[in-house]
Amino acid sequence: MLPTLIEILTEASRNTEEILGWGCPIPSFGDVSKSAVATLGLNPSNREFTDAKGDELIGSQRRFHTLQSLGIGSWEEVHYKHLELISNNCSNYFKINPYDNWFRDLNNIISGTKTSYYGSANACHLDLIPFATEVKWVNLTRNKRNYLLGISASVLGKILKKSKIGVLILNGKTVVQNLEFISGKKLAISEKTEWMLPRKNGKGVKGFSYKGIINEVCGIKLNRDIMVLGYNHNIQSSYGVTTSVKNSIKNWITSETSQEYN
């Protein structure tokens, strides 16, 4: 998997200047092989590789490998030992220096499934595009977003097929829409009044849940059904996602997965 991802990263770096080309691909946050539940996002944050000033994380602050940390000048110089280092960092991400400001809320939302990124490590996080970008996803042009999704979609299918993941949690409407596209499955949508985000001026932002089953991603047969649950608010990015809304989303996920995990 990693050699293929590095080839894709090299090509994408040539075609999309916003790709953080000196940072390694990130197929997973946590150990996929031990995970029963996975959360799904868009793509890794540049903060997995840099500090708030944009400088590369080094030493004990480093989360993932880069060309510099591996001591190579380009990804064409990668050898097996480098791939092993990258793979180990992905599997042990939550034991090293996880970006807790981003992952703690998601971990709480899935806690009712009796899985966790931490401790038992029987949950992981995946992204539709396993490459970090210098800018936020919303600031990429539509053509570049479509290009990155197109070259990456099959990777998610391959990861899910080899895993034992039974539940996939989608973090935000954009993730929902893109998974529907690459899986060819439309998820059932329901308005959740208790997920309304209040606004001082005008109406609040409505909350919606999504639910369904997928058994194929980008033409790759998963050989089983995976339960998919999602919500339209991006827990970390949507303005005004209150603790009450987060807890309500957690309770909904707990209820929907209760027969399988409780």
C-alpha atoms as a PDB file:
ATOM      1  CA  MET A   1       0.000   0.000   0.000  1.00  0.00           C
ATOM      2  CA  LEU A   2       2.662   2.552   1.008  1.00  0.00           C
ATOM      3  CA  PRO A   3       4.749   2.210  -2.184  1.00  0.00           C
ATOM      4  CA  THR A   4       1.603   2.935  -4.203  1.00  0.00           C
ATOM      5  CA  LEU A   5       0.754   5.916  -2.001  1.00  0.00           C
ATOM      6  CA  ILE A   6       4.238   7.335  -2.406  1.00  0.00           C
ATOM      7  CA  GLU A   7       3.932   7.053  -6.178  1.00  0.00           C
ATOM      8  CA  ILE A   8       0.587   8.865  -6.016  1.00  0.00           C
ATOM      9  CA  LEU A   9       2.066  11.520  -3.703  1.00  0.00           C
ATOM     10  CA  THR A  10       4.952  12.133  -6.092  1.00  0.00           C
ATOM     11  CA  GLU A  11       2.576  12.561  -9.021  1.00  0.00           C
ATOM     12  CA  ALA A  12       0.161  14.733  -7.035  1.00  0.00           C
ATOM     13  CA  SER A  13       2.987  16.999  -5.871  1.00  0.00           C
ATOM     14  CA  ARG A  14       3.853  17.726  -9.480  1.00  0.00           C
ATOM     15  CA  ASN A  15       0.253  18.527 -10.396  1.00  0.00           C
ATOM     16  CA  THR A  16      -0.949  20.272  -7.228  1.00  0.00           C
ATOM     17  CA  GLU A  17       1.356  22.795  -5.605  1.00  0.00           C
ATOM     18  CA  GLU A  18      -0.790  22.850  -2.457  1.00  0.00           C
ATOM     19  CA  ILE A  19       0.157  19.248  -1.643  1.00  0.00           C
ATOM     20  CA  LEU A  20       2.585  19.062   1.283  1.00  0.00           C
ATOM     21  CA  GLY A  21       4.977  17.002  -0.789  1.00  0.00           C
ATOM     22  CA  TRP A  22       7.769  16.633   1.752  1.00  0.00           C
ATOM     23  CA  GLY A  23       5.471  14.905   4.263  1.00  0.00           C
ATOM     24  CA  CYS A  24       4.762  11.183   4.008  1.00  0.00           C
ATOM     25  CA  PRO A  25       1.389   9.717   3.008  1.00  0.00           C
ATOM     26  CA  ILE A  26      -0.870   8.908   5.971  1.00  0.00           C
ATOM     27  CA  PRO A  27      -2.971   5.813   5.207  1.00  0.00           C
ATOM     28  CA  SER A  28      -4.273   5.710   8.786  1.00  0.00           C
ATOM     29  CA  PHE A  29      -4.146   7.274  12.216  1.00  0.00           C
ATOM     30  CA  GLY A  30      -3.918   4.242  14.472  1.00  0.00           C
ATOM     31  CA  ASP A  31      -3.755   0.516  13.799  1.00  0.00           C
ATOM     32  CA  VAL A  32      -6.316  -0.475  11.161  1.00  0.00           C
ATOM     33  CA  SER A  33      -5.737  -4.185  11.794  1.00  0.00           C
ATOM     34  CA  LYS A  34      -7.022  -3.862  15.381  1.00  0.00           C
ATOM     35  CA  SER A  35      -9.905  -1.499  14.636  1.00  0.00           C
ATOM     36  CA  ALA A  36     -13.619  -2.300  14.702  1.00  0.00           C
ATOM     37  CA  VAL A  37     -14.646   1.340  14.204  1.00  0.00           C
ATOM     38  CA  ALA A  38     -13.133   4.056  12.027  1.00  0.00           C
ATOM     39  CA  THR A  39     -13.882   7.731  11.717  1.00  0.00           C
ATOM     40  CA  LEU A  40     -13.527   9.294   8.278  1.00  0.00           C
ATOM     41  CA  GLY A  41     -12.364  12.796   7.390  1.00  0.00           C
ATOM     42  CA  LEU A  42     -11.276  14.664   4.275  1.00  0.00           C
ATOM     43  CA  ASN A  43      -7.479  14.789   4.434  1.00  0.00           C
ATOM     44  CA  PRO A  44      -4.751  15.176   7.068  1.00  0.00           C
ATOM     45  CA  SER A  45      -4.111  18.609   8.535  1.00  0.00           C
ATOM     46  CA  ASN A  46      -0.807  20.318   7.774  1.00  0.00           C
ATOM     47  CA  ARG A  47      -0.474  20.514  11.571  1.00  0.00           C
ATOM     48  CA  GLU A  48       0.426  16.831  11.521  1.00  0.00           C
ATOM     49  CA  PHE A  49       3.746  18.024  10.086  1.00  0.00           C
ATOM     50  CA  THR A  50       4.132  21.663  11.129  1.00  0.00           C
ATOM     51  CA  ASP A  51       3.684  23.940  14.113  1.00  0.00           C
ATOM     52  CA  ALA A  52       1.449  27.020  14.208  1.00  0.00           C
ATOM     53  CA  LYS A  53       4.172  29.046  12.454  1.00  0.00           C
ATOM     54  CA  GLY A  54       4.439  26.547   9.611  1.00  0.00           C
ATOM     55  CA  ASP A  55       7.812  25.158  10.686  1.00  0.00           C
ATOM     56  CA  GLU A  56       8.391  21.411  10.451  1.00  0.00           C
ATOM     57  CA  LEU A  57       7.852  19.529  13.708  1.00  0.00           C
ATOM     58  CA  ILE A  58      11.080  17.968  14.940  1.00  0.00           C
ATOM     59  CA  GLY A  59      12.287  15.754  17.769  1.00  0.00           C
ATOM     60  CA  SER A  60       9.674  14.643  20.281  1.00  0.00           C
ATOM     61  CA  GLN A  61       7.100  16.924  18.641  1.00  0.00           C
ATOM     62  CA  ARG A  62       7.238  15.054  15.338  1.00  0.00           C
ATOM     63  CA  ARG A  63       4.133  13.077  14.440  1.00  0.00           C
ATOM     64  CA  PHE A  64       4.911  11.660  11.002  1.00  0.00           C
ATOM     65  CA  HIS A  65       8.000  11.190   8.899  1.00  0.00           C
ATOM     66  CA  THR A  66       9.207  13.620   6.285  1.00  0.00           C
ATOM     67  CA  LEU A  67      11.975  13.599   3.712  1.00  0.00           C
ATOM     68  CA  GLN A  68      14.175  15.318   6.287  1.00  0.00           C
ATOM     69  CA  SER A  69      13.477  12.892   9.130  1.00  0.00           C
ATOM     70  CA  LEU A  70      14.141   9.931   6.840  1.00  0.00           C
ATOM     71  CA  GLY A  71      17.351  11.520   5.571  1.00  0.00           C
ATOM     72  CA  ILE A  72      16.426  11.357   1.899  1.00  0.00           C
ATOM     73  CA  GLY A  73      16.184  13.992  -0.803  1.00  0.00           C
ATOM     74  CA  SER A  74      13.106  12.706  -2.617  1.00  0.00           C
ATOM     75  CA  TRP A  75      10.528   9.951  -2.370  1.00  0.00           C
ATOM     76  CA  GLU A  76      12.262   8.105  -5.199  1.00  0.00           C
ATOM     77  CA  GLU A  77      14.979   7.236  -2.645  1.00  0.00           C
ATOM     78  CA  VAL A  78      12.590   5.374  -0.335  1.00  0.00           C
ATOM     79  CA  HIS A  79      13.632   1.865   0.743  1.00  0.00           C
ATOM     80  CA  TYR A  80      11.913  -0.825   2.792  1.00  0.00           C
ATOM     81  CA  LYS A  81      13.359   0.506   6.071  1.00  0.00           C
ATOM     82  CA  HIS A  82      11.763   3.894   5.388  1.00  0.00           C
ATOM     83  CA  LEU A  83       8.394   2.308   4.626  1.00  0.00           C
ATOM     84  CA  GLU A  84       8.567   0.395   7.896  1.00  0.00           C
ATOM     85  CA  LEU A  85       9.229   3.595   9.843  1.00  0.00           C
ATOM     86  CA  ILE A  86       6.277   5.348   8.178  1.00  0.00           C
ATOM     87  CA  SER A  87       3.982   2.367   8.793  1.00  0.00           C
ATOM     88  CA  ASN A  88       4.963   2.140  12.468  1.00  0.00           C
ATOM     89  CA  ASN A  89       4.256   5.832  12.979  1.00  0.00           C
ATOM     90  CA  CYS A  90       0.777   5.428  11.502  1.00  0.00           C
ATOM     91  CA  SER A  91      -0.079   2.382  13.620  1.00  0.00           C
ATOM     92  CA  ASN A  92       1.288   3.946  16.823  1.00  0.00           C
ATOM     93  CA  TYR A  93       0.090   7.493  16.161  1.00  0.00           C
ATOM     94  CA  PHE A  94      -1.996   7.787  19.327  1.00  0.00           C
ATOM     95  CA  LYS A  95       0.897   6.528  21.465  1.00  0.00           C
ATOM     96  CA  ILE A  96       3.401   9.107  20.197  1.00  0.00           C
ATOM     97  CA  ASN A  97       2.275  12.737  19.932  1.00  0.00           C
ATOM     98  CA  PRO A  98      -1.297  12.815  18.609  1.00  0.00           C
ATOM     99  CA  TYR A  99      -2.943  16.078  17.608  1.00  0.00           C
ATOM    100  CA  ASP A 100      -5.291  15.866  20.576  1.00  0.00           C
ATOM    101  CA  ASN A 101      -6.960  19.206  19.903  1.00  0.00           C
ATOM    102  CA  TRP A 102      -8.451  17.574  16.820  1.00  0.00           C
ATOM    103  CA  PHE A 103      -8.928  13.951  17.879  1.00  0.00           C
ATOM    104  CA  ARG A 104     -10.240  14.176  21.459  1.00  0.00           C
ATOM    105  CA  ASP A 105     -13.706  15.339  20.383  1.00  0.00           C
ATOM    106  CA  LEU A 106     -13.983  12.573  17.791  1.00  0.00           C
ATOM    107  CA  ASN A 107     -12.827  10.001  20.315  1.00  0.00           C
ATOM    108  CA  ASN A 108     -15.562  11.116  22.695  1.00  0.00           C
ATOM    109  CA  ILE A 109     -18.184  10.854  19.956  1.00  0.00           C
ATOM    110  CA  ILE A 110     -17.347   7.183  19.305  1.00  0.00           C
ATOM    111  CA  SER A 111     -16.863   6.283  22.981  1.00  0.00           C
ATOM    112  CA  GLY A 112     -20.343   4.772  23.237  1.00  0.00           C
ATOM    113  CA  THR A 113     -19.252   2.020  20.839  1.00  0.00           C
ATOM    114  CA  LYS A 114     -16.746   0.894  23.500  1.00  0.00           C
ATOM    115  CA  THR A 115     -13.892   1.644  21.125  1.00  0.00           C
ATOM    116  CA  SER A 116     -11.171   4.263  21.351  1.00  0.00           C
ATOM    117  CA  TYR A 117      -8.167   5.641  19.508  1.00  0.00           C
ATOM    118  CA  TYR A 118      -6.345   5.550  22.836  1.00  0.00           C
ATOM    119  CA  GLY A 119      -5.880   2.785  25.393  1.00  0.00           C
ATOM    120  CA  SER A 120      -7.606  -0.206  23.805  1.00  0.00           C
ATOM    121  CA  ALA A 121      -6.674   1.243  20.389  1.00  0.00           C
ATOM    122  CA  ASN A 122      -9.535  -0.600  18.685  1.00  0.00           C
ATOM    123  CA  ALA A 123     -10.566   2.439  16.645  1.00  0.00           C
ATOM    124  CA  CYS A 124      -8.688   4.405  14.007  1.00  0.00           C
ATOM    125  CA  HIS A 125      -9.126   7.442  11.793  1.00  0.00           C
ATOM    126  CA  LEU A 126      -9.022   7.359   8.000  1.00  0.00           C
ATOM    127  CA  ASP A 127      -9.160  10.102   5.390  1.00  0.00           C
ATOM    128  CA  LEU A 128     -10.609  10.208   1.890  1.00  0.00           C
ATOM    129  CA  ILE A 129      -7.309  11.697   0.702  1.00  0.00           C
ATOM    130  CA  PRO A 130      -4.256  10.410   2.638  1.00  0.00           C
ATOM    131  CA  PHE A 131      -2.088  13.446   1.867  1.00  0.00           C
ATOM    132  CA  ALA A 132      -1.763  16.719   3.757  1.00  0.00           C
ATOM    133  CA  THR A 133      -2.190  20.020   1.947  1.00  0.00           C
ATOM    134  CA  GLU A 134      -0.657  23.408   2.700  1.00  0.00           C
ATOM    135  CA  VAL A 135      -4.129  24.990   2.721  1.00  0.00           C
ATOM    136  CA  LYS A 136      -7.502  23.880   4.033  1.00  0.00           C
ATOM    137  CA  TRP A 137      -9.654  21.680   1.790  1.00  0.00           C
ATOM    138  CA  VAL A 138     -12.237  24.420   1.306  1.00  0.00           C
ATOM    139  CA  ASN A 139      -9.539  26.720  -0.119  1.00  0.00           C
ATOM    140  CA  LEU A 140      -8.598  24.297  -2.898  1.00  0.00           C
ATOM    141  CA  THR A 141     -10.249  24.806  -6.270  1.00  0.00           C
ATOM    142  CA  ARG A 142     -13.018  22.385  -7.213  1.00  0.00           C
ATOM    143  CA  ASN A 143     -10.796  20.908  -9.948  1.00  0.00           C
ATOM    144  CA  LYS A 144      -7.996  20.216  -7.477  1.00  0.00           C
ATOM    145  CA  ARG A 145     -10.360  18.673  -4.943  1.00  0.00           C
ATOM    146  CA  ASN A 146     -11.805  16.400  -7.624  1.00  0.00           C
ATOM    147  CA  TYR A 147      -8.320  15.483  -8.823  1.00  0.00           C
ATOM    148  CA  LEU A 148      -7.119  14.522  -5.344  1.00  0.00           C
ATOM    149  CA  LEU A 149     -10.256  12.500  -4.645  1.00  0.00           C
ATOM    150  CA  GLY A 150      -9.932  10.756  -7.990  1.00  0.00           C
ATOM    151  CA  ILE A 151      -6.366   9.572  -7.409  1.00  0.00           C
ATOM    152  CA  SER A 152      -7.035   8.549  -3.795  1.00  0.00           C
ATOM    153  CA  ALA A 153     -10.509   6.975  -3.694  1.00  0.00           C
ATOM    154  CA  SER A 154      -9.388   3.423  -4.428  1.00  0.00           C
ATOM    155  CA  VAL A 155      -6.947   3.571  -1.502  1.00  0.00           C
ATOM    156  CA  LEU A 156      -9.799   3.831   0.996  1.00  0.00           C
ATOM    157  CA  GLY A 157     -11.493   0.852  -0.634  1.00  0.00           C
ATOM    158  CA  LYS A 158      -8.352  -1.268  -0.338  1.00  0.00           C
ATOM    159  CA  ILE A 159      -7.837  -0.296   3.303  1.00  0.00           C
ATOM    160  CA  LEU A 160     -11.424  -1.129   4.246  1.00  0.00           C
ATOM    161  CA  LYS A 161     -11.370  -4.424   2.340  1.00  0.00           C
ATOM    162  CA  LYS A 162      -8.320  -5.681   4.258  1.00  0.00           C
ATOM    163  CA  SER A 163      -9.652  -4.487   7.618  1.00  0.00           C
ATOM    164  CA  LYS A 164     -12.221  -5.766  10.100  1.00  0.00           C
ATOM    165  CA  ILE A 165     -13.858  -2.359  10.416  1.00  0.00           C
ATOM    166  CA  GLY A 166     -17.609  -2.750  10.853  1.00  0.00           C
ATOM    167  CA  VAL A 167     -18.674   0.849  11.433  1.00  0.00           C
ATOM    168  CA  LEU A 168     -17.554   3.982   9.606  1.00  0.00           C
ATOM    169  CA  ILE A 169     -18.320   7.388  11.167  1.00  0.00           C
ATOM    170  CA  LEU A 170     -18.380  10.332   8.750  1.00  0.00           C
ATOM    171  CA  ASN A 171     -17.277  13.684  10.161  1.00  0.00           C
ATOM    172  CA  GLY A 172     -19.157  16.388   8.265  1.00  0.00           C
ATOM    173  CA  LYS A 173     -21.369  16.898   5.234  1.00  0.00           C
ATOM    174  CA  THR A 174     -18.512  17.141   2.726  1.00  0.00           C
ATOM    175  CA  VAL A 175     -17.198  13.751   3.835  1.00  0.00           C
ATOM    176  CA  VAL A 176     -20.715  12.315   3.518  1.00  0.00           C
ATOM    177  CA  GLN A 177     -21.150  13.657  -0.013  1.00  0.00           C
ATOM    178  CA  ASN A 178     -17.783  12.365  -1.190  1.00  0.00           C
ATOM    179  CA  LEU A 179     -18.255   8.900   0.303  1.00  0.00           C
ATOM    180  CA  GLU A 180     -21.673   8.676  -1.343  1.00  0.00           C
ATOM    181  CA  PHE A 181     -20.012   9.508  -4.655  1.00  0.00           C
ATOM    182  CA  ILE A 182     -17.176   6.962  -4.460  1.00  0.00           C
ATOM    183  CA  SER A 183     -19.349   4.197  -2.976  1.00  0.00           C
ATOM    184  CA  GLY A 184     -22.324   4.742  -5.270  1.00  0.00           C
ATOM    185  CA  LYS A 185     -24.658   4.564  -2.259  1.00  0.00           C
ATOM    186  CA  LYS A 186     -27.032   7.298  -1.134  1.00  0.00           C
ATOM    187  CA  LEU A 187     -27.334   7.469   2.644  1.00  0.00           C
ATOM    188  CA  ALA A 188     -30.660   8.014   4.392  1.00  0.00           C
ATOM    189  CA  ILE A 189     -30.859  11.540   5.802  1.00  0.00           C
ATOM    190  CA  SER A 190     -32.879  12.686   8.822  1.00  0.00           C
ATOM    191  CA  GLU A 191     -33.149  16.108  10.414  1.00  0.00           C
ATOM    192  CA  LYS A 192     -32.104  16.201  14.074  1.00  0.00           C
ATOM    193  CA  THR A 193     -33.635  19.218  15.801  1.00  0.00           C
ATOM    194  CA  GLU A 194     -31.429  18.688  18.851  1.00  0.00           C
ATOM    195  CA  TRP A 195     -28.359  19.185  16.649  1.00  0.00           C
ATOM    196  CA  MET A 196     -29.349  22.722  15.654  1.00  0.00           C
ATOM    197  CA  LEU A 197     -26.424  25.157  16.029  1.00  0.00           C
ATOM    198  CA  PRO A 198     -27.657  28.448  17.497  1.00  0.00           C
ATOM    199  CA  ARG A 199     -26.879  31.747  15.796  1.00  0.00           C
ATOM    200  CA  LYS A 200     -27.328  35.243  17.260  1.00  0.00           C
ATOM    201  CA  ASN A 201     -28.491  36.695  13.966  1.00  0.00           C
ATOM    202  CA  GLY A 202     -31.048  34.721  11.988  1.00  0.00           C
ATOM    203  CA  LYS A 203     -31.929  31.047  12.058  1.00  0.00           C
ATOM    204  CA  GLY A 204     -29.598  28.428  13.436  1.00  0.00           C
ATOM    205  CA  VAL A 205     -27.772  25.820  11.363  1.00  0.00           C
ATOM    206  CA  LYS A 206     -29.866  22.668  11.088  1.00  0.00           C
ATOM    207  CA  GLY A 207     -28.448  19.299  12.043  1.00  0.00           C
ATOM    208  CA  PHE A 208     -28.794  16.156   9.947  1.00  0.00           C
ATOM    209  CA  SER A 209     -27.867  12.515  10.451  1.00  0.00           C
ATOM    210  CA  TYR A 210     -26.918  10.071   7.710  1.00  0.00           C
ATOM    211  CA  LYS A 211     -27.170   6.302   7.828  1.00  0.00           C
ATOM    212  CA  GLY A 212     -26.626   3.448   5.428  1.00  0.00           C
ATOM    213  CA  ILE A 213     -24.645   0.402   4.381  1.00  0.00           C
ATOM    214  CA  ILE A 214     -21.752   0.228   1.931  1.00  0.00           C
ATOM    215  CA  ASN A 215     -20.121  -2.864   0.455  1.00  0.00           C
ATOM    216  CA  GLU A 216     -18.088  -1.277  -2.317  1.00  0.00           C
ATOM    217  CA  VAL A 217     -15.781   1.740  -2.662  1.00  0.00           C
ATOM    218  CA  CYS A 218     -14.498   2.982  -6.010  1.00  0.00           C
ATOM    219  CA  GLY A 219     -15.339  -0.349  -7.627  1.00  0.00           C
ATOM    220  CA  ILE A 220     -13.537  -2.357  -4.948  1.00  0.00           C
ATOM    221  CA  LYS A 221     -15.768  -5.029  -3.406  1.00  0.00           C
ATOM    222  CA  LEU A 222     -15.423  -5.024   0.387  1.00  0.00           C
ATOM    223  CA  ASN A 223     -16.832  -8.574   0.679  1.00  0.00           C
ATOM    224  CA  ARG A 224     -19.021  -7.492   3.602  1.00  0.00           C
ATOM    225  CA  ASP A 225     -21.428  -4.777   4.655  1.00  0.00           C
ATOM    226  CA  ILE A 226     -20.095  -1.808   6.631  1.00  0.00           C
ATOM    227  CA  MET A 227     -22.482   0.342   8.648  1.00  0.00           C
ATOM    228  CA  VAL A 228     -22.065   4.029   7.835  1.00  0.00           C
ATOM    229  CA  LEU A 229     -23.183   6.778  10.210  1.00  0.00           C
ATOM    230  CA  GLY A 230     -22.604  10.469   9.672  1.00  0.00           C
ATOM    231  CA  TYR A 231     -23.570  13.989  10.641  1.00  0.00           C
ATOM    232  CA  ASN A 232     -23.475  17.251   8.717  1.00  0.00           C
ATOM    233  CA  HIS A 233     -21.529  19.309  11.262  1.00  0.00           C
ATOM    234  CA  ASN A 234     -17.746  19.095  11.127  1.00  0.00           C
ATOM    235  CA  ILE A 235     -17.064  18.625  14.823  1.00  0.00           C
ATOM    236  CA  GLN A 236     -13.776  20.543  14.818  1.00  0.00           C
ATOM    237  CA  SER A 237     -14.434  23.147  12.126  1.00  0.00           C
ATOM    238  CA  SER A 238     -18.114  24.060  12.244  1.00  0.00           C
ATOM    239  CA  TYR A 239     -18.645  27.243  14.249  1.00  0.00           C
ATOM    240  CA  GLY A 240     -20.645  26.880  17.428  1.00  0.00           C
ATOM    241  CA  VAL A 241     -20.815  23.089  17.802  1.00  0.00           C
ATOM    242  CA  THR A 242     -21.844  23.012  21.450  1.00  0.00           C
ATOM    243  CA  THR A 243     -21.066  20.333  24.010  1.00  0.00           C
ATOM    244  CA  SER A 244     -24.769  19.505  24.045  1.00  0.00           C
ATOM    245  CA  VAL A 245     -24.778  18.850  20.290  1.00  0.00           C
ATOM    246  CA  LYS A 246     -21.617  16.749  20.509  1.00  0.00           C
ATOM    247  CA  ASN A 247     -23.124  14.646  23.284  1.00  0.00           C
ATOM    248  CA  SER A 248     -26.338  14.206  21.315  1.00  0.00           C
ATOM    249  CA  ILE A 249     -24.375  12.983  18.291  1.00  0.00           C
ATOM    250  CA  LYS A 250     -22.468  10.591  20.561  1.00  0.00           C
ATOM    251  CA  ASN A 251     -25.719   9.242  22.020  1.00  0.00           C
ATOM    252  CA  TRP A 252     -27.166   8.727  18.536  1.00  0.00           C
ATOM    253  CA  ILE A 253     -24.090   6.786  17.406  1.00  0.00           C
ATOM    254  CA  THR A 254     -24.218   4.735  20.606  1.00  0.00           C
ATOM    255  CA  SER A 255     -27.862   3.881  19.982  1.00  0.00           C
ATOM    256  CA  GLU A 256     -27.385   3.025  16.309  1.00  0.00           C
ATOM    257  CA  THR A 257     -24.461   0.690  17.039  1.00  0.00           C
ATOM    258  CA  SER A 258     -25.825  -0.799  20.259  1.00  0.00           C
ATOM    259  CA  GLN A 259     -26.771  -4.176  18.787  1.00  0.00           C
ATOM    260  CA  GLU A 260     -23.309  -4.682  17.357  1.00  0.00           C
ATOM    261  CA  TYR A 261     -21.114  -3.313  20.134  1.00  0.00           C
ATOM    262  CA  ASN A 262     -23.110  -3.501  23.353  1.00  0.00           C
END
